[in-house]
């Protein structure tokens, strides 16, 4: 049950945004053990000066195509799973919409089941106990 926040500079076409979303979801399904129908994403497009990043820190050079993907996952994944996911995501994004792997940053955090409410005002823990 990951929730992804995708941040990038504004100005990309709807087709580019859809390809970005689709590639992220495909990588999550293929390498992060996510069910195909578990898709929750928000795309944030920022004006110049609102997305601040170092163009050379631990990678790069980064361009104006830089994308920051913050994923909140419902359970921890192993280091090997995360590595597979990072590689698969870089491959997918390079294929479509054509983002250089140096322009992709990912941060993964986890949250307990009690921290999620999908509907009806109940936590995921409450929903599974019914």
N, C-alpha and C. Protein backbone atom coordinates (compact mmCIF):
# COMPACT_ATOMS: atom_id res chain seq x y z
N UNK A 1 0.81 -1.19 0.00
CA UNK A 1 0.00 0.00 0.00
C UNK A 1 0.86 1.26 0.00
N UNK A 2 1.74 1.38 -0.97
CA UNK A 2 2.53 2.61 -0.98
C UNK A 2 1.74 3.81 -1.47
N UNK A 3 2.15 4.94 -0.97
CA UNK A 3 1.61 6.23 -1.39
C UNK A 3 2.81 7.01 -1.90
N UNK A 4 2.75 7.48 -3.13
CA UNK A 4 3.89 8.15 -3.75
C UNK A 4 3.59 9.62 -4.03
N UNK A 5 4.54 10.46 -3.66
CA UNK A 5 4.49 11.88 -3.99
C UNK A 5 5.62 12.13 -4.97
N UNK A 6 5.27 12.61 -6.14
CA UNK A 6 6.22 12.83 -7.22
C UNK A 6 6.35 14.34 -7.42
N UNK A 7 7.56 14.85 -7.26
CA UNK A 7 7.79 16.29 -7.40
C UNK A 7 8.72 16.55 -8.57
N UNK A 8 8.35 17.53 -9.39
CA UNK A 8 9.16 17.93 -10.53
C UNK A 8 8.82 19.36 -10.90
N UNK A 9 9.66 19.95 -11.74
CA UNK A 9 9.39 21.30 -12.22
C UNK A 9 8.20 21.29 -13.16
N UNK A 10 7.40 22.34 -13.12
CA UNK A 10 6.22 22.41 -13.98
C UNK A 10 6.63 22.59 -15.44
N UNK A 11 5.68 22.24 -16.30
CA UNK A 11 5.89 22.43 -17.72
C UNK A 11 5.87 21.15 -18.53
N UNK A 12 5.75 20.00 -17.89
CA UNK A 12 5.70 18.73 -18.62
C UNK A 12 4.27 18.50 -19.12
N UNK A 13 4.19 17.81 -20.24
CA UNK A 13 2.89 17.52 -20.86
C UNK A 13 2.12 16.49 -20.03
N UNK A 14 0.79 16.44 -20.23
CA UNK A 14 0.01 15.39 -19.56
C UNK A 14 0.50 13.99 -19.93
N UNK A 15 0.96 13.81 -21.15
CA UNK A 15 1.47 12.50 -21.58
C UNK A 15 2.75 12.14 -20.81
N UNK A 16 3.62 13.11 -20.60
CA UNK A 16 4.84 12.89 -19.83
C UNK A 16 4.49 12.50 -18.39
N UNK A 17 3.55 13.22 -17.79
CA UNK A 17 3.14 12.93 -16.42
C UNK A 17 2.53 11.55 -16.31
N UNK A 18 1.71 11.17 -17.27
CA UNK A 18 1.10 9.84 -17.25
C UNK A 18 2.15 8.75 -17.40
N UNK A 19 3.13 8.97 -18.28
CA UNK A 19 4.21 7.99 -18.47
C UNK A 19 5.04 7.87 -17.20
N UNK A 20 5.30 8.98 -16.53
CA UNK A 20 6.03 8.98 -15.27
C UNK A 20 5.26 8.17 -14.23
N UNK A 21 3.97 8.44 -14.09
CA UNK A 21 3.12 7.72 -13.15
C UNK A 21 3.08 6.23 -13.47
N UNK A 22 2.87 5.90 -14.74
CA UNK A 22 2.78 4.50 -15.15
C UNK A 22 4.09 3.75 -14.91
N UNK A 23 5.21 4.39 -15.22
CA UNK A 23 6.51 3.74 -15.03
C UNK A 23 6.80 3.50 -13.56
N UNK A 24 6.47 4.47 -12.72
CA UNK A 24 6.64 4.28 -11.27
C UNK A 24 5.79 3.12 -10.80
N UNK A 25 4.53 3.11 -11.19
CA UNK A 25 3.65 2.03 -10.73
C UNK A 25 4.12 0.66 -11.23
N UNK A 26 4.54 0.59 -12.48
CA UNK A 26 5.04 -0.68 -13.01
C UNK A 26 6.24 -1.18 -12.22
N UNK A 27 7.16 -0.28 -11.89
CA UNK A 27 8.34 -0.68 -11.11
C UNK A 27 7.94 -1.14 -9.71
N UNK A 28 6.96 -0.48 -9.10
CA UNK A 28 6.49 -0.90 -7.79
C UNK A 28 5.89 -2.31 -7.85
N UNK A 29 5.10 -2.57 -8.87
CA UNK A 29 4.48 -3.89 -9.02
C UNK A 29 5.54 -4.96 -9.31
N UNK A 30 6.46 -4.65 -10.20
CA UNK A 30 7.47 -5.63 -10.63
C UNK A 30 8.53 -5.92 -9.57
N UNK A 31 8.91 -4.92 -8.79
CA UNK A 31 10.08 -5.11 -7.94
C UNK A 31 9.89 -4.76 -6.46
N UNK A 32 8.73 -4.24 -6.08
CA UNK A 32 8.52 -3.79 -4.70
C UNK A 32 7.36 -4.52 -4.04
N UNK A 33 6.87 -5.57 -4.69
CA UNK A 33 5.81 -6.42 -4.13
C UNK A 33 4.54 -5.64 -3.83
N UNK A 34 4.07 -4.89 -4.85
CA UNK A 34 2.86 -4.10 -4.73
C UNK A 34 1.79 -4.70 -5.66
N UNK A 35 0.57 -4.91 -5.19
CA UNK A 35 -0.49 -5.43 -6.06
C UNK A 35 -0.80 -4.44 -7.19
N UNK A 36 -1.16 -4.93 -8.36
CA UNK A 36 -1.43 -4.06 -9.50
C UNK A 36 -2.50 -3.01 -9.27
N UNK A 37 -3.49 -3.30 -8.43
CA UNK A 37 -4.58 -2.33 -8.22
C UNK A 37 -4.34 -1.42 -7.02
N UNK A 38 -3.13 -1.43 -6.46
CA UNK A 38 -2.78 -0.60 -5.31
C UNK A 38 -1.99 0.61 -5.82
N UNK A 39 -2.71 1.65 -6.23
CA UNK A 39 -2.07 2.81 -6.87
C UNK A 39 -2.60 4.10 -6.26
N UNK A 40 -1.73 4.77 -5.51
CA UNK A 40 -2.07 6.06 -4.91
C UNK A 40 -0.87 6.99 -5.12
N UNK A 41 -1.04 8.00 -5.95
CA UNK A 41 0.06 8.91 -6.30
C UNK A 41 -0.45 10.35 -6.37
N UNK A 42 0.43 11.25 -6.04
CA UNK A 42 0.18 12.67 -6.23
C UNK A 42 1.37 13.24 -6.98
N UNK A 43 1.11 13.99 -8.02
CA UNK A 43 2.18 14.65 -8.77
C UNK A 43 2.14 16.13 -8.43
N UNK A 44 3.25 16.62 -7.91
CA UNK A 44 3.41 18.03 -7.58
C UNK A 44 4.31 18.67 -8.62
N UNK A 45 3.80 19.67 -9.33
CA UNK A 45 4.63 20.41 -10.27
C UNK A 45 4.95 21.76 -9.63
N UNK A 46 6.22 22.11 -9.65
CA UNK A 46 6.69 23.30 -8.96
C UNK A 46 7.19 24.36 -9.93
N UNK A 47 6.94 25.61 -9.58
CA UNK A 47 7.48 26.74 -10.35
C UNK A 47 8.98 26.82 -10.11
N UNK A 48 9.72 27.44 -11.02
CA UNK A 48 11.16 27.62 -10.80
C UNK A 48 11.40 28.27 -9.43
N UNK A 49 12.37 27.74 -8.71
CA UNK A 49 12.68 28.24 -7.38
C UNK A 49 11.93 27.55 -6.26
N UNK A 50 10.97 26.69 -6.59
CA UNK A 50 10.20 25.97 -5.56
C UNK A 50 10.65 24.53 -5.36
N UNK A 51 11.48 24.02 -6.26
CA UNK A 51 12.06 22.68 -6.12
C UNK A 51 13.58 22.89 -6.09
N UNK A 52 14.13 22.80 -4.91
CA UNK A 52 15.54 23.12 -4.70
C UNK A 52 16.32 21.81 -4.58
N UNK A 53 17.36 21.64 -5.39
CA UNK A 53 18.18 20.43 -5.34
C UNK A 53 19.59 20.76 -5.83
N UNK A 54 20.54 20.03 -5.26
CA UNK A 54 21.92 20.17 -5.67
C UNK A 54 22.14 19.37 -6.95
N UNK A 55 22.75 19.97 -7.93
CA UNK A 55 22.89 19.31 -9.23
C UNK A 55 23.99 18.24 -9.25
N UNK A 56 24.82 18.17 -8.21
CA UNK A 56 25.91 17.18 -8.22
C UNK A 56 26.00 16.30 -6.98
N UNK A 57 25.24 16.55 -5.93
CA UNK A 57 25.38 15.79 -4.70
C UNK A 57 25.03 14.32 -4.90
N UNK A 58 25.97 13.42 -4.55
CA UNK A 58 25.79 11.96 -4.63
C UNK A 58 25.15 11.52 -5.95
N UNK A 59 25.72 11.94 -7.03
CA UNK A 59 25.20 11.58 -8.35
C UNK A 59 25.32 12.76 -9.27
N UNK A 60 24.50 12.74 -10.29
CA UNK A 60 24.47 13.88 -11.18
C UNK A 60 25.50 13.74 -12.30
N UNK A 61 25.54 14.73 -13.12
CA UNK A 61 24.86 16.00 -12.95
C UNK A 61 23.35 15.87 -13.17
N UNK A 62 22.61 16.64 -12.38
CA UNK A 62 21.15 16.65 -12.51
C UNK A 62 20.74 17.83 -13.38
N UNK A 63 19.64 17.63 -14.08
CA UNK A 63 19.14 18.65 -15.00
C UNK A 63 17.81 19.20 -14.51
N UNK A 64 17.19 20.01 -15.33
CA UNK A 64 15.85 20.53 -15.02
C UNK A 64 14.79 19.45 -15.09
N UNK A 65 15.14 18.24 -15.50
CA UNK A 65 14.22 17.11 -15.53
C UNK A 65 14.23 16.33 -14.21
N UNK A 66 14.92 16.85 -13.20
CA UNK A 66 15.01 16.19 -11.89
C UNK A 66 13.62 15.84 -11.35
N UNK A 67 13.50 14.62 -10.82
CA UNK A 67 12.26 14.13 -10.22
C UNK A 67 12.58 13.59 -8.83
N UNK A 68 11.83 14.03 -7.85
CA UNK A 68 11.97 13.53 -6.48
C UNK A 68 10.73 12.70 -6.17
N UNK A 69 10.94 11.43 -5.85
CA UNK A 69 9.83 10.53 -5.56
C UNK A 69 9.92 10.11 -4.10
N UNK A 70 8.90 10.49 -3.33
CA UNK A 70 8.83 10.13 -1.91
C UNK A 70 7.75 9.07 -1.75
N UNK A 71 8.15 7.91 -1.29
CA UNK A 71 7.23 6.78 -1.15
C UNK A 71 7.03 6.47 0.33
N UNK A 72 5.78 6.41 0.75
CA UNK A 72 5.44 5.93 2.09
C UNK A 72 4.87 4.53 1.90
N UNK A 73 5.55 3.56 2.47
CA UNK A 73 5.14 2.16 2.32
C UNK A 73 4.52 1.66 3.61
N UNK A 74 3.65 0.68 3.48
CA UNK A 74 2.95 0.14 4.64
C UNK A 74 3.73 -0.90 5.41
N UNK A 75 4.82 -1.37 4.83
CA UNK A 75 5.66 -2.33 5.56
C UNK A 75 7.08 -2.20 5.03
N UNK A 76 8.06 -2.52 5.85
CA UNK A 76 9.45 -2.44 5.41
C UNK A 76 9.74 -3.46 4.31
N UNK A 77 10.70 -3.12 3.46
CA UNK A 77 11.19 -4.04 2.43
C UNK A 77 12.67 -4.29 2.69
N UNK A 78 13.16 -5.43 2.23
CA UNK A 78 14.58 -5.76 2.41
C UNK A 78 15.44 -4.84 1.54
N UNK A 79 16.72 -4.78 1.89
CA UNK A 79 17.67 -3.99 1.10
C UNK A 79 17.71 -4.48 -0.34
N UNK A 80 17.71 -5.80 -0.54
CA UNK A 80 17.72 -6.34 -1.90
C UNK A 80 16.48 -5.92 -2.68
N UNK A 81 15.32 -5.95 -2.04
CA UNK A 81 14.09 -5.52 -2.70
C UNK A 81 14.18 -4.05 -3.09
N UNK A 82 14.67 -3.22 -2.19
CA UNK A 82 14.81 -1.80 -2.51
C UNK A 82 15.78 -1.59 -3.65
N UNK A 83 16.89 -2.30 -3.65
CA UNK A 83 17.86 -2.17 -4.74
C UNK A 83 17.25 -2.56 -6.08
N UNK A 84 16.51 -3.68 -6.09
CA UNK A 84 15.84 -4.11 -7.32
C UNK A 84 14.85 -3.05 -7.79
N UNK A 85 14.11 -2.50 -6.84
CA UNK A 85 13.14 -1.46 -7.18
C UNK A 85 13.83 -0.23 -7.76
N UNK A 86 14.89 0.25 -7.12
CA UNK A 86 15.60 1.43 -7.61
C UNK A 86 16.10 1.21 -9.05
N UNK A 87 16.67 0.03 -9.30
CA UNK A 87 17.17 -0.27 -10.66
C UNK A 87 16.03 -0.34 -11.65
N UNK A 88 14.97 -1.03 -11.27
CA UNK A 88 13.84 -1.19 -12.19
C UNK A 88 13.17 0.15 -12.46
N UNK A 89 13.05 0.99 -11.46
CA UNK A 89 12.47 2.31 -11.65
C UNK A 89 13.32 3.13 -12.61
N UNK A 90 14.63 3.12 -12.42
CA UNK A 90 15.52 3.87 -13.31
C UNK A 90 15.37 3.37 -14.75
N UNK A 91 15.29 2.06 -14.94
CA UNK A 91 15.10 1.50 -16.28
C UNK A 91 13.77 1.94 -16.88
N UNK A 92 12.71 1.82 -16.10
CA UNK A 92 11.37 2.18 -16.58
C UNK A 92 11.29 3.66 -16.95
N UNK A 93 11.81 4.53 -16.10
CA UNK A 93 11.73 5.96 -16.37
C UNK A 93 12.60 6.36 -17.57
N UNK A 94 13.71 5.66 -17.77
CA UNK A 94 14.53 5.93 -18.95
C UNK A 94 13.77 5.56 -20.22
N UNK A 95 13.03 4.45 -20.17
CA UNK A 95 12.24 4.01 -21.32
C UNK A 95 11.09 4.97 -21.60
N UNK A 96 10.38 5.34 -20.55
CA UNK A 96 9.21 6.20 -20.71
C UNK A 96 8.95 6.90 -19.39
N UNK A 97 9.06 8.16 -19.35
CA UNK A 97 9.04 9.17 -20.40
C UNK A 97 10.40 9.63 -20.90
N UNK A 98 11.48 8.92 -20.57
CA UNK A 98 12.80 9.31 -21.05
C UNK A 98 13.59 10.15 -20.06
N UNK A 99 13.52 9.80 -18.78
CA UNK A 99 14.23 10.54 -17.73
C UNK A 99 15.57 9.86 -17.46
N UNK A 100 16.63 10.63 -17.49
CA UNK A 100 17.97 10.13 -17.20
C UNK A 100 18.02 9.67 -15.74
N UNK A 101 18.65 8.54 -15.49
CA UNK A 101 18.70 7.99 -14.12
C UNK A 101 19.37 8.94 -13.14
N UNK A 102 20.23 9.84 -13.60
CA UNK A 102 20.86 10.81 -12.70
C UNK A 102 19.86 11.86 -12.22
N UNK A 103 18.71 11.94 -12.87
CA UNK A 103 17.68 12.90 -12.50
C UNK A 103 16.58 12.31 -11.62
N UNK A 104 16.82 11.12 -11.08
CA UNK A 104 15.79 10.44 -10.27
C UNK A 104 16.30 10.23 -8.85
N UNK A 105 15.60 10.81 -7.88
CA UNK A 105 15.89 10.61 -6.46
C UNK A 105 14.67 9.98 -5.82
N UNK A 106 14.91 8.99 -4.97
CA UNK A 106 13.82 8.27 -4.30
C UNK A 106 14.09 8.23 -2.80
N UNK A 107 13.06 8.49 -2.01
CA UNK A 107 13.13 8.36 -0.56
C UNK A 107 11.96 7.47 -0.14
N UNK A 108 12.27 6.41 0.61
CA UNK A 108 11.24 5.48 1.08
C UNK A 108 11.15 5.56 2.59
N UNK A 109 9.93 5.73 3.09
CA UNK A 109 9.65 5.65 4.52
C UNK A 109 8.53 4.64 4.72
N UNK A 110 8.39 4.17 5.95
CA UNK A 110 7.32 3.21 6.23
C UNK A 110 6.41 3.75 7.33
N UNK A 111 5.18 3.26 7.31
CA UNK A 111 4.18 3.63 8.31
C UNK A 111 3.46 2.36 8.74
N UNK A 112 3.09 2.31 10.01
CA UNK A 112 2.37 1.15 10.54
C UNK A 112 0.94 1.11 9.99
N UNK A 113 0.32 -0.04 10.04
CA UNK A 113 -1.05 -0.20 9.55
C UNK A 113 -2.02 0.75 10.25
N UNK A 114 -1.77 1.04 11.51
CA UNK A 114 -2.66 1.95 12.26
C UNK A 114 -2.57 3.39 11.75
N UNK A 115 -1.54 3.70 10.94
CA UNK A 115 -1.34 5.05 10.42
C UNK A 115 -2.07 5.29 9.10
N UNK A 116 -2.78 4.29 8.61
CA UNK A 116 -3.48 4.39 7.32
C UNK A 116 -4.99 4.32 7.51
N UNK A 117 -5.71 5.21 6.86
CA UNK A 117 -7.16 5.15 6.79
C UNK A 117 -7.52 5.27 5.31
N UNK A 118 -8.03 4.21 4.73
CA UNK A 118 -8.38 4.22 3.32
C UNK A 118 -9.81 4.69 3.06
N UNK A 119 -10.68 4.51 4.04
CA UNK A 119 -12.08 4.92 3.87
C UNK A 119 -12.85 4.68 5.16
N UNK A 120 -14.01 5.27 5.25
CA UNK A 120 -14.97 5.04 6.32
C UNK A 120 -14.49 5.43 7.71
N UNK A 121 -13.46 6.24 7.80
CA UNK A 121 -13.01 6.72 9.09
C UNK A 121 -12.40 5.67 9.99
N UNK A 122 -11.92 4.58 9.41
CA UNK A 122 -11.30 3.53 10.21
C UNK A 122 -9.86 3.31 9.76
N UNK A 123 -9.02 2.96 10.70
CA UNK A 123 -7.64 2.64 10.37
C UNK A 123 -7.59 1.30 9.64
N UNK A 124 -6.50 1.06 8.99
CA UNK A 124 -6.33 -0.21 8.31
C UNK A 124 -6.38 -1.36 9.31
N UNK A 125 -5.90 -1.15 10.51
CA UNK A 125 -5.96 -2.17 11.56
C UNK A 125 -7.43 -2.49 11.86
N UNK A 126 -8.26 -1.45 12.03
CA UNK A 126 -9.68 -1.66 12.32
C UNK A 126 -10.37 -2.36 11.16
N UNK A 127 -10.04 -1.99 9.94
CA UNK A 127 -10.67 -2.57 8.75
C UNK A 127 -10.36 -4.05 8.61
N UNK A 128 -9.15 -4.46 9.01
CA UNK A 128 -8.79 -5.87 8.88
C UNK A 128 -9.31 -6.71 10.03
N UNK A 129 -9.71 -6.08 11.13
CA UNK A 129 -10.25 -6.81 12.28
C UNK A 129 -11.74 -7.09 12.13
N UNK A 130 -12.39 -6.42 11.18
CA UNK A 130 -13.84 -6.58 11.02
C UNK A 130 -14.17 -7.90 10.39
